[in-house]
Amino acid sequence: MTASAFADRSPADQYLVQRISARDGVDATLLAALPPHELDRLLPGARTAFEHREQVAHAVLTHRGIDPTTPEYQAADTLARAILARVDHPGSDHAA
């Protein structure tokens, strides 16, 4: 998808477009032209989940008894973010 197709879209809209595109095999550029309410219809509940992802992640960690301040967690988090940055890097052969 071109950067211009995303230029005026919110991060939530961008997330929805990418999820729907991946799920349905539809060109993301076509989906980016849809209004937000249509994206919401195609993937109900995803916008709310995206907008509350930090709270949900915190609740899951708390429920599982995981402390994100431990050195082990921090190391795993750093490694995961580095891997995702490489995968998502434009021009990479591994883009998601």
PDB file of N, CA and C in Angstrom:
ATOM      1  N   MET A   1       0.833  -1.165   0.000  1.00  0.00           N
ATOM      2  CA  MET A   1       0.000   0.000   0.000  1.00  0.00           C
ATOM      3  C   MET A   1       0.880   1.230   0.000  1.00  0.00           C
ATOM      4  N   THR A   2       0.498   2.215  -0.766  1.00  0.00           N
ATOM      5  CA  THR A   2       1.289   3.431  -0.850  1.00  0.00           C
ATOM      6  C   THR A   2       1.061   4.290   0.383  1.00  0.00           C
ATOM      7  N   ALA A   3       2.076   5.104   0.697  1.00  0.00           N
ATOM      8  CA  ALA A   3       1.972   5.985   1.857  1.00  0.00           C
ATOM      9  C   ALA A   3       0.830   6.975   1.682  1.00  0.00           C
ATOM     10  N   SER A   4       0.577   7.410   0.443  1.00  0.00           N
ATOM     11  CA  SER A   4      -0.485   8.385   0.208  1.00  0.00           C
ATOM     12  C   SER A   4      -1.863   7.825   0.538  1.00  0.00           C
ATOM     13  N   ALA A   5      -2.047   6.530   0.384  1.00  0.00           N
ATOM     14  CA  ALA A   5      -3.336   5.916   0.706  1.00  0.00           C
ATOM     15  C   ALA A   5      -3.608   5.970   2.206  1.00  0.00           C
ATOM     16  N   PHE A   6      -2.572   6.028   2.999  1.00  0.00           N
ATOM     17  CA  PHE A   6      -2.692   6.082   4.451  1.00  0.00           C
ATOM     18  C   PHE A   6      -2.579   7.498   5.002  1.00  0.00           C
ATOM     19  N   ALA A   7      -2.204   8.458   4.191  1.00  0.00           N
ATOM     20  CA  ALA A   7      -1.848   9.794   4.659  1.00  0.00           C
ATOM     21  C   ALA A   7      -2.898  10.426   5.571  1.00  0.00           C
ATOM     22  N   ASP A   8      -4.159  10.283   5.224  1.00  0.00           N
ATOM     23  CA  ASP A   8      -5.214  10.944   5.988  1.00  0.00           C
ATOM     24  C   ASP A   8      -5.950  10.005   6.932  1.00  0.00           C
ATOM     25  N   ARG A   9      -5.445   8.805   7.108  1.00  0.00           N
ATOM     26  CA  ARG A   9      -6.138   7.820   7.936  1.00  0.00           C
ATOM     27  C   ARG A   9      -5.567   7.810   9.347  1.00  0.00           C
ATOM     28  N   SER A  10      -6.431   7.567  10.309  1.00  0.00           N
ATOM     29  CA  SER A  10      -6.003   7.447  11.702  1.00  0.00           C
ATOM     30  C   SER A  10      -5.233   6.142  11.879  1.00  0.00           C
ATOM     31  N   PRO A  11      -4.450   6.036  12.947  1.00  0.00           N
ATOM     32  CA  PRO A  11      -3.770   4.764  13.205  1.00  0.00           C
ATOM     33  C   PRO A  11      -4.763   3.590  13.321  1.00  0.00           C
ATOM     34  N   ALA A  12      -5.928   3.836  13.883  1.00  0.00           N
ATOM     35  CA  ALA A  12      -6.934   2.771  13.991  1.00  0.00           C
ATOM     36  C   ALA A  12      -7.424   2.346  12.609  1.00  0.00           C
ATOM     37  N   ASP A  13      -7.663   3.322  11.728  1.00  0.00           N
ATOM     38  CA  ASP A  13      -8.076   2.995  10.365  1.00  0.00           C
ATOM     39  C   ASP A  13      -6.990   2.198   9.652  1.00  0.00           C
ATOM     40  N   GLN A  14      -5.752   2.607   9.818  1.00  0.00           N
ATOM     41  CA  GLN A  14      -4.637   1.901   9.187  1.00  0.00           C
ATOM     42  C   GLN A  14      -4.585   0.459   9.667  1.00  0.00           C
ATOM     43  N   TYR A  15      -4.770   0.259  10.956  1.00  0.00           N
ATOM     44  CA  TYR A  15      -4.778  -1.089  11.523  1.00  0.00           C
ATOM     45  C   TYR A  15      -5.906  -1.926  10.921  1.00  0.00           C
ATOM     46  N   LEU A  16      -7.096  -1.348  10.852  1.00  0.00           N
ATOM     47  CA  LEU A  16      -8.235  -2.066  10.295  1.00  0.00           C
ATOM     48  C   LEU A  16      -7.997  -2.435   8.835  1.00  0.00           C
ATOM     49  N   VAL A  17      -7.490  -1.494   8.051  1.00  0.00           N
ATOM     50  CA  VAL A  17      -7.209  -1.768   6.639  1.00  0.00           C
ATOM     51  C   VAL A  17      -6.231  -2.927   6.512  1.00  0.00           C
ATOM     52  N   GLN A  18      -5.172  -2.903   7.287  1.00  0.00           N
ATOM     53  CA  GLN A  18      -4.168  -3.967   7.199  1.00  0.00           C
ATOM     54  C   GLN A  18      -4.736  -5.311   7.634  1.00  0.00           C
ATOM     55  N   ARG A  19      -5.516  -5.329   8.704  1.00  0.00           N
ATOM     56  CA  ARG A  19      -6.109  -6.587   9.178  1.00  0.00           C
ATOM     57  C   ARG A  19      -7.092  -7.163   8.166  1.00  0.00           C
ATOM     58  N   ILE A  20      -7.964  -6.310   7.630  1.00  0.00           N
ATOM     59  CA  ILE A  20      -8.957  -6.777   6.663  1.00  0.00           C
ATOM     60  C   ILE A  20      -8.263  -7.258   5.396  1.00  0.00           C
ATOM     61  N   SER A  21      -7.261  -6.517   4.965  1.00  0.00           N
ATOM     62  CA  SER A  21      -6.512  -6.887   3.766  1.00  0.00           C
ATOM     63  C   SER A  21      -5.868  -8.262   3.937  1.00  0.00           C
ATOM     64  N   ALA A  22      -5.233  -8.466   5.083  1.00  0.00           N
ATOM     65  CA  ALA A  22      -4.575  -9.749   5.343  1.00  0.00           C
ATOM     66  C   ALA A  22      -5.587 -10.880   5.465  1.00  0.00           C
ATOM     67  N   ARG A  23      -6.681 -10.620   6.132  1.00  0.00           N
ATOM     68  CA  ARG A  23      -7.701 -11.657   6.347  1.00  0.00           C
ATOM     69  C   ARG A  23      -8.407 -12.053   5.056  1.00  0.00           C
ATOM     70  N   ASP A  24      -8.756 -11.039   4.254  1.00  0.00           N
ATOM     71  CA  ASP A  24      -9.591 -11.292   3.081  1.00  0.00           C
ATOM     72  C   ASP A  24      -8.820 -11.338   1.768  1.00  0.00           C
ATOM     73  N   GLY A  25      -7.533 -11.017   1.810  1.00  0.00           N
ATOM     74  CA  GLY A  25      -6.747 -11.005   0.579  1.00  0.00           C
ATOM     75  C   GLY A  25      -7.165  -9.903  -0.382  1.00  0.00           C
ATOM     76  N   VAL A  26      -7.646  -8.806   0.163  1.00  0.00           N
ATOM     77  CA  VAL A  26      -8.098  -7.666  -0.634  1.00  0.00           C
ATOM     78  C   VAL A  26      -6.983  -6.625  -0.657  1.00  0.00           C
ATOM     79  N   ASP A  27      -6.826  -5.970  -1.790  1.00  0.00           N
ATOM     80  CA  ASP A  27      -5.813  -4.924  -1.930  1.00  0.00           C
ATOM     81  C   ASP A  27      -6.056  -3.830  -0.888  1.00  0.00           C
ATOM     82  N   ALA A  28      -5.061  -3.546  -0.080  1.00  0.00           N
ATOM     83  CA  ALA A  28      -5.183  -2.557   0.985  1.00  0.00           C
ATOM     84  C   ALA A  28      -5.487  -1.166   0.440  1.00  0.00           C
ATOM     85  N   THR A  29      -5.025  -0.859  -0.752  1.00  0.00           N
ATOM     86  CA  THR A  29      -5.301   0.452  -1.347  1.00  0.00           C
ATOM     87  C   THR A  29      -6.790   0.635  -1.570  1.00  0.00           C
ATOM     88  N   LEU A  30      -7.464  -0.406  -1.984  1.00  0.00           N
ATOM     89  CA  LEU A  30      -8.917  -0.333  -2.169  1.00  0.00           C
ATOM     90  C   LEU A  30      -9.629  -0.145  -0.830  1.00  0.00           C
ATOM     91  N   LEU A  31      -9.173  -0.854   0.171  1.00  0.00           N
ATOM     92  CA  LEU A  31      -9.787  -0.743   1.494  1.00  0.00           C
ATOM     93  C   LEU A  31      -9.556   0.631   2.106  1.00  0.00           C
ATOM     94  N   ALA A  32      -8.394   1.224   1.844  1.00  0.00           N
ATOM     95  CA  ALA A  32      -8.069   2.533   2.411  1.00  0.00           C
ATOM     96  C   ALA A  32      -9.016   3.621   1.910  1.00  0.00           C
ATOM     97  N   ALA A  33      -9.692   3.371   0.798  1.00  0.00           N
ATOM     98  CA  ALA A  33     -10.633   4.346   0.254  1.00  0.00           C
ATOM     99  C   ALA A  33     -11.994   4.286   0.960  1.00  0.00           C
ATOM    100  N   LEU A  34     -12.220   3.253   1.754  1.00  0.00           N
ATOM    101  CA  LEU A  34     -13.508   3.100   2.431  1.00  0.00           C
ATOM    102  C   LEU A  34     -13.611   4.028   3.636  1.00  0.00           C
ATOM    103  N   PRO A  35     -14.822   4.478   3.941  1.00  0.00           N
ATOM    104  CA  PRO A  35     -15.006   5.313   5.140  1.00  0.00           C
ATOM    105  C   PRO A  35     -14.844   4.465   6.405  1.00  0.00           C
ATOM    106  N   PRO A  36     -14.507   5.105   7.526  1.00  0.00           N
ATOM    107  CA  PRO A  36     -14.289   4.360   8.774  1.00  0.00           C
ATOM    108  C   PRO A  36     -15.453   3.452   9.170  1.00  0.00           C
ATOM    109  N   HIS A  37     -16.698   3.906   8.992  1.00  0.00           N
ATOM    110  CA  HIS A  37     -17.830   3.064   9.413  1.00  0.00           C
ATOM    111  C   HIS A  37     -17.904   1.775   8.596  1.00  0.00           C
ATOM    112  N   GLU A  38     -17.451   1.813   7.353  1.00  0.00           N
ATOM    113  CA  GLU A  38     -17.448   0.598   6.530  1.00  0.00           C
ATOM    114  C   GLU A  38     -16.356  -0.364   7.002  1.00  0.00           C
ATOM    115  N   LEU A  39     -15.200   0.179   7.377  1.00  0.00           N
ATOM    116  CA  LEU A  39     -14.129  -0.662   7.931  1.00  0.00           C
ATOM    117  C   LEU A  39     -14.619  -1.337   9.212  1.00  0.00           C
ATOM    118  N   ASP A  40     -15.326  -0.566  10.045  1.00  0.00           N
ATOM    119  CA  ASP A  40     -15.867  -1.121  11.289  1.00  0.00           C
ATOM    120  C   ASP A  40     -16.874  -2.238  11.009  1.00  0.00           C
ATOM    121  N   ARG A  41     -17.660  -2.086   9.953  1.00  0.00           N
ATOM    122  CA  ARG A  41     -18.639  -3.115   9.589  1.00  0.00           C
ATOM    123  C   ARG A  41     -17.931  -4.396   9.134  1.00  0.00           C
ATOM    124  N   LEU A  42     -16.820  -4.223   8.417  1.00  0.00           N
ATOM    125  CA  LEU A  42     -16.078  -5.380   7.906  1.00  0.00           C
ATOM    126  C   LEU A  42     -15.308  -6.128   8.987  1.00  0.00           C
ATOM    127  N   LEU A  43     -14.953  -5.421  10.065  1.00  0.00           N
ATOM    128  CA  LEU A  43     -14.202  -6.052  11.151  1.00  0.00           C
ATOM    129  C   LEU A  43     -14.721  -5.517  12.493  1.00  0.00           C
ATOM    130  N   PRO A  44     -15.908  -5.978  12.892  1.00  0.00           N
ATOM    131  CA  PRO A  44     -16.544  -5.453  14.105  1.00  0.00           C
ATOM    132  C   PRO A  44     -15.676  -5.642  15.349  1.00  0.00           C
ATOM    133  N   GLY A  45     -15.622  -4.604  16.157  1.00  0.00           N
ATOM    134  CA  GLY A  45     -14.907  -4.666  17.429  1.00  0.00           C
ATOM    135  C   GLY A  45     -13.420  -4.412  17.341  1.00  0.00           C
ATOM    136  N   ALA A  46     -12.850  -4.440  16.158  1.00  0.00           N
ATOM    137  CA  ALA A  46     -11.394  -4.293  16.023  1.00  0.00           C
ATOM    138  C   ALA A  46     -10.917  -2.897  16.394  1.00  0.00           C
ATOM    139  N   ARG A  47     -11.709  -1.877  16.065  1.00  0.00           N
ATOM    140  CA  ARG A  47     -11.295  -0.502  16.390  1.00  0.00           C
ATOM    141  C   ARG A  47     -11.194  -0.333  17.908  1.00  0.00           C
ATOM    142  N   THR A  48     -12.200  -0.820  18.616  1.00  0.00           N
ATOM    143  CA  THR A  48     -12.187  -0.711  20.075  1.00  0.00           C
ATOM    144  C   THR A  48     -11.003  -1.469  20.661  1.00  0.00           C
ATOM    145  N   ALA A  49     -10.753  -2.660  20.156  1.00  0.00           N
ATOM    146  CA  ALA A  49      -9.617  -3.449  20.638  1.00  0.00           C
ATOM    147  C   ALA A  49      -8.306  -2.717  20.371  1.00  0.00           C
ATOM    148  N   PHE A  50      -8.175  -2.129  19.187  1.00  0.00           N
ATOM    149  CA  PHE A  50      -6.958  -1.399  18.844  1.00  0.00           C
ATOM    150  C   PHE A  50      -6.776  -0.195  19.768  1.00  0.00           C
ATOM    151  N   GLU A  51      -7.857   0.539  19.995  1.00  0.00           N
ATOM    152  CA  GLU A  51      -7.769   1.751  20.810  1.00  0.00           C
ATOM    153  C   GLU A  51      -7.500   1.456  22.281  1.00  0.00           C
ATOM    154  N   HIS A  52      -7.788   0.239  22.722  1.00  0.00           N
ATOM    155  CA  HIS A  52      -7.578  -0.137  24.132  1.00  0.00           C
ATOM    156  C   HIS A  52      -6.497  -1.202  24.296  1.00  0.00           C
ATOM    157  N   ARG A  53      -5.637  -1.352  23.310  1.00  0.00           N
ATOM    158  CA  ARG A  53      -4.643  -2.427  23.325  1.00  0.00           C
ATOM    159  C   ARG A  53      -3.682  -2.343  24.508  1.00  0.00           C
ATOM    160  N   GLU A  54      -3.319  -1.154  24.937  1.00  0.00           N
ATOM    161  CA  GLU A  54      -2.386  -1.045  26.062  1.00  0.00           C
ATOM    162  C   GLU A  54      -3.028  -1.507  27.363  1.00  0.00           C
ATOM    163  N   GLN A  55      -4.280  -1.123  27.583  1.00  0.00           N
ATOM    164  CA  GLN A  55      -4.981  -1.548  28.790  1.00  0.00           C
ATOM    165  C   GLN A  55      -5.187  -3.065  28.796  1.00  0.00           C
ATOM    166  N   VAL A  56      -5.533  -3.614  27.642  1.00  0.00           N
ATOM    167  CA  VAL A  56      -5.738  -5.060  27.543  1.00  0.00           C
ATOM    168  C   VAL A  56      -4.427  -5.795  27.807  1.00  0.00           C
ATOM    169  N   ALA A  57      -3.355  -5.323  27.204  1.00  0.00           N
ATOM    170  CA  ALA A  57      -2.043  -5.963  27.418  1.00  0.00           C
ATOM    171  C   ALA A  57      -1.658  -5.920  28.892  1.00  0.00           C
ATOM    172  N   HIS A  58      -1.874  -4.781  29.530  1.00  0.00           N
ATOM    173  CA  HIS A  58      -1.547  -4.664  30.959  1.00  0.00           C
ATOM    174  C   HIS A  58      -2.389  -5.630  31.793  1.00  0.00           C
ATOM    175  N   ALA A  59      -3.671  -5.719  31.475  1.00  0.00           N
ATOM    176  CA  ALA A  59      -4.553  -6.622  32.212  1.00  0.00           C
ATOM    177  C   ALA A  59      -4.129  -8.077  32.033  1.00  0.00           C
ATOM    178  N   VAL A  60      -3.733  -8.455  30.823  1.00  0.00           N
ATOM    179  CA  VAL A  60      -3.297  -9.831  30.568  1.00  0.00           C
ATOM    180  C   VAL A  60      -2.020 -10.127  31.355  1.00  0.00           C
ATOM    181  N   LEU A  61      -1.071  -9.200  31.318  1.00  0.00           N
ATOM    182  CA  LEU A  61       0.176  -9.406  32.066  1.00  0.00           C
ATOM    183  C   LEU A  61      -0.102  -9.546  33.557  1.00  0.00           C
ATOM    184  N   THR A  62      -0.954  -8.697  34.088  1.00  0.00           N
ATOM    185  CA  THR A  62      -1.299  -8.747  35.508  1.00  0.00           C
ATOM    186  C   THR A  62      -1.971 -10.065  35.846  1.00  0.00           C
ATOM    187  N   HIS A  63      -2.910 -10.471  35.009  1.00  0.00           N
ATOM    188  CA  HIS A  63      -3.635 -11.725  35.233  1.00  0.00           C
ATOM    189  C   HIS A  63      -2.681 -12.927  35.218  1.00  0.00           C
ATOM    190  N   ARG A  64      -1.707 -12.896  34.336  1.00  0.00           N
ATOM    191  CA  ARG A  64      -0.760 -14.009  34.220  1.00  0.00           C
ATOM    192  C   ARG A  64       0.363 -13.933  35.246  1.00  0.00           C
ATOM    193  N   GLY A  65       0.409 -12.847  36.034  1.00  0.00           N
ATOM    194  CA  GLY A  65       1.444 -12.698  37.057  1.00  0.00           C
ATOM    195  C   GLY A  65       2.799 -12.315  36.487  1.00  0.00           C
ATOM    196  N   ILE A  66       2.806 -11.658  35.340  1.00  0.00           N
ATOM    197  CA  ILE A  66       4.054 -11.260  34.686  1.00  0.00           C
ATOM    198  C   ILE A  66       4.365  -9.818  35.067  1.00  0.00           C
ATOM    199  N   ASP A  67       5.585  -9.590  35.512  1.00  0.00           N
ATOM    200  CA  ASP A  67       6.020  -8.247  35.901  1.00  0.00           C
ATOM    201  C   ASP A  67       6.872  -7.654  34.789  1.00  0.00           C
ATOM    202  N   PRO A  68       6.345  -6.642  34.056  1.00  0.00           N
ATOM    203  CA  PRO A  68       7.098  -6.065  32.935  1.00  0.00           C
ATOM    204  C   PRO A  68       8.338  -5.276  33.348  1.00  0.00           C
ATOM    205  N   THR A  69       8.560  -5.120  34.652  1.00  0.00           N
ATOM    206  CA  THR A  69       9.744  -4.373  35.091  1.00  0.00           C
ATOM    207  C   THR A  69      10.958  -5.276  35.321  1.00  0.00           C
ATOM    208  N   THR A  70      10.777  -6.594  35.213  1.00  0.00           N
ATOM    209  CA  THR A  70      11.906  -7.496  35.437  1.00  0.00           C
ATOM    210  C   THR A  70      12.887  -7.438  34.274  1.00  0.00           C
ATOM    211  N   PRO A  71      14.162  -7.691  34.545  1.00  0.00           N
ATOM    212  CA  PRO A  71      15.161  -7.689  33.471  1.00  0.00           C
ATOM    213  C   PRO A  71      14.860  -8.722  32.378  1.00  0.00           C
ATOM    214  N   GLU A  72      14.323  -9.876  32.764  1.00  0.00           N
ATOM    215  CA  GLU A  72      14.009 -10.907  31.788  1.00  0.00           C
ATOM    216  C   GLU A  72      12.932 -10.433  30.819  1.00  0.00           C
ATOM    217  N   TYR A  73      11.906  -9.809  31.360  1.00  0.00           N
ATOM    218  CA  TYR A  73      10.830  -9.297  30.512  1.00  0.00           C
ATOM    219  C   TYR A  73      11.353  -8.190  29.602  1.00  0.00           C
ATOM    220  N   GLN A  74      12.138  -7.283  30.156  1.00  0.00           N
ATOM    221  CA  GLN A  74      12.675  -6.171  29.379  1.00  0.00           C
ATOM    222  C   GLN A  74      13.548  -6.680  28.229  1.00  0.00           C
ATOM    223  N   ALA A  75      14.353  -7.700  28.484  1.00  0.00           N
ATOM    224  CA  ALA A  75      15.205  -8.262  27.424  1.00  0.00           C
ATOM    225  C   ALA A  75      14.358  -8.891  26.326  1.00  0.00           C
ATOM    226  N   ALA A  76      13.334  -9.635  26.712  1.00  0.00           N
ATOM    227  CA  ALA A  76      12.452 -10.256  25.723  1.00  0.00           C
ATOM    228  C   ALA A  76      11.694  -9.193  24.928  1.00  0.00           C
ATOM    229  N   ASP A  77      11.268  -8.149  25.603  1.00  0.00           N
ATOM    230  CA  ASP A  77      10.553  -7.057  24.936  1.00  0.00           C
ATOM    231  C   ASP A  77      11.458  -6.354  23.926  1.00  0.00           C
ATOM    232  N   THR A  78      12.683  -6.085  24.310  1.00  0.00           N
ATOM    233  CA  THR A  78      13.638  -5.433  23.415  1.00  0.00           C
ATOM    234  C   THR A  78      13.904  -6.293  22.187  1.00  0.00           C
ATOM    235  N   LEU A  79      14.101  -7.587  22.394  1.00  0.00           N
ATOM    236  CA  LEU A  79      14.340  -8.502  21.280  1.00  0.00           C
ATOM    237  C   LEU A  79      13.127  -8.560  20.345  1.00  0.00           C
ATOM    238  N   ALA A  80      11.946  -8.672  20.906  1.00  0.00           N
ATOM    239  CA  ALA A  80      10.730  -8.739  20.082  1.00  0.00           C
ATOM    240  C   ALA A  80      10.545  -7.464  19.274  1.00  0.00           C
ATOM    241  N   ARG A  81      10.780  -6.321  19.886  1.00  0.00           N
ATOM    242  CA  ARG A  81      10.629  -5.049  19.163  1.00  0.00           C
ATOM    243  C   ARG A  81      11.666  -4.926  18.045  1.00  0.00           C
ATOM    244  N   ALA A  82      12.872  -5.409  18.278  1.00  0.00           N
ATOM    245  CA  ALA A  82      13.908  -5.370  17.241  1.00  0.00           C
ATOM    246  C   ALA A  82      13.529  -6.258  16.060  1.00  0.00           C
ATOM    247  N   ILE A  83      12.988  -7.424  16.354  1.00  0.00           N
ATOM    248  CA  ILE A  83      12.561  -8.340  15.284  1.00  0.00           C
ATOM    249  C   ILE A  83      11.426  -7.706  14.493  1.00  0.00           C
ATOM    250  N   LEU A  84      10.448  -7.145  15.176  1.00  0.00           N
ATOM    251  CA  LEU A  84       9.327  -6.507  14.480  1.00  0.00           C
ATOM    252  C   LEU A  84       9.783  -5.303  13.657  1.00  0.00           C
ATOM    253  N   ALA A  85      10.731  -4.551  14.162  1.00  0.00           N
ATOM    254  CA  ALA A  85      11.239  -3.403  13.414  1.00  0.00           C
ATOM    255  C   ALA A  85      11.917  -3.856  12.124  1.00  0.00           C
ATOM    256  N   ARG A  86      12.651  -4.961  12.197  1.00  0.00           N
ATOM    257  CA  ARG A  86      13.292  -5.488  10.987  1.00  0.00           C
ATOM    258  C   ARG A  86      12.262  -5.996   9.995  1.00  0.00           C
ATOM    259  N   VAL A  87      11.248  -6.681  10.494  1.00  0.00           N
ATOM    260  CA  VAL A  87      10.215  -7.234   9.620  1.00  0.00           C
ATOM    261  C   VAL A  87       9.407  -6.115   8.964  1.00  0.00           C
ATOM    262  N   ASP A  88       9.101  -5.078   9.715  1.00  0.00           N
ATOM    263  CA  ASP A  88       8.265  -3.996   9.209  1.00  0.00           C
ATOM    264  C   ASP A  88       9.036  -2.927   8.453  1.00  0.00           C
ATOM    265  N   HIS A  89      10.352  -3.048   8.398  1.00  0.00           N
ATOM    266  CA  HIS A  89      11.148  -2.030   7.743  1.00  0.00           C
ATOM    267  C   HIS A  89      10.826  -1.976   6.254  1.00  0.00           C
ATOM    268  N   PRO A  90      10.499  -0.779   5.746  1.00  0.00           N
ATOM    269  CA  PRO A  90      10.222  -0.656   4.304  1.00  0.00           C
ATOM    270  C   PRO A  90      11.405  -1.144   3.468  1.00  0.00           C
ATOM    271  N   GLY A  91      11.104  -1.855   2.412  1.00  0.00           N
ATOM    272  CA  GLY A  91      12.156  -2.366   1.541  1.00  0.00           C
ATOM    273  C   GLY A  91      12.700  -3.711   1.981  1.00  0.00           C
ATOM    274  N   SER A  92      12.273  -4.172   3.133  1.00  0.00           N
ATOM    275  CA  SER A  92      12.710  -5.467   3.636  1.00  0.00           C
ATOM    276  C   SER A  92      12.031  -6.575   2.856  1.00  0.00           C
ATOM    277  N   ASP A  93      12.712  -7.680   2.692  1.00  0.00           N
ATOM    278  CA  ASP A  93      12.111  -8.826   2.026  1.00  0.00           C
ATOM    279  C   ASP A  93      11.151  -9.578   2.938  1.00  0.00           C
ATOM    280  N   HIS A  94      11.050  -9.108   4.195  1.00  0.00           N
ATOM    281  CA  HIS A  94      10.247  -9.810   5.187  1.00  0.00           C
ATOM    282  C   HIS A  94       9.067  -8.985   5.659  1.00  0.00           C
ATOM    283  N   ALA A  95       8.658  -7.980   4.911  1.00  0.00           N
ATOM    284  CA  ALA A  95       7.558  -7.115   5.353  1.00  0.00           C
ATOM    285  C   ALA A  95       6.288  -7.939   5.555  1.00  0.00           C
ATOM    286  N   ALA A  96       5.580  -7.594   6.608  1.00  0.00           N
ATOM    287  CA  ALA A  96       4.345  -8.317   6.943  1.00  0.00           C
ATOM    288  C   ALA A  96       3.201  -7.902   6.069  1.00  0.00           C
TER     289      ALA A  96
END
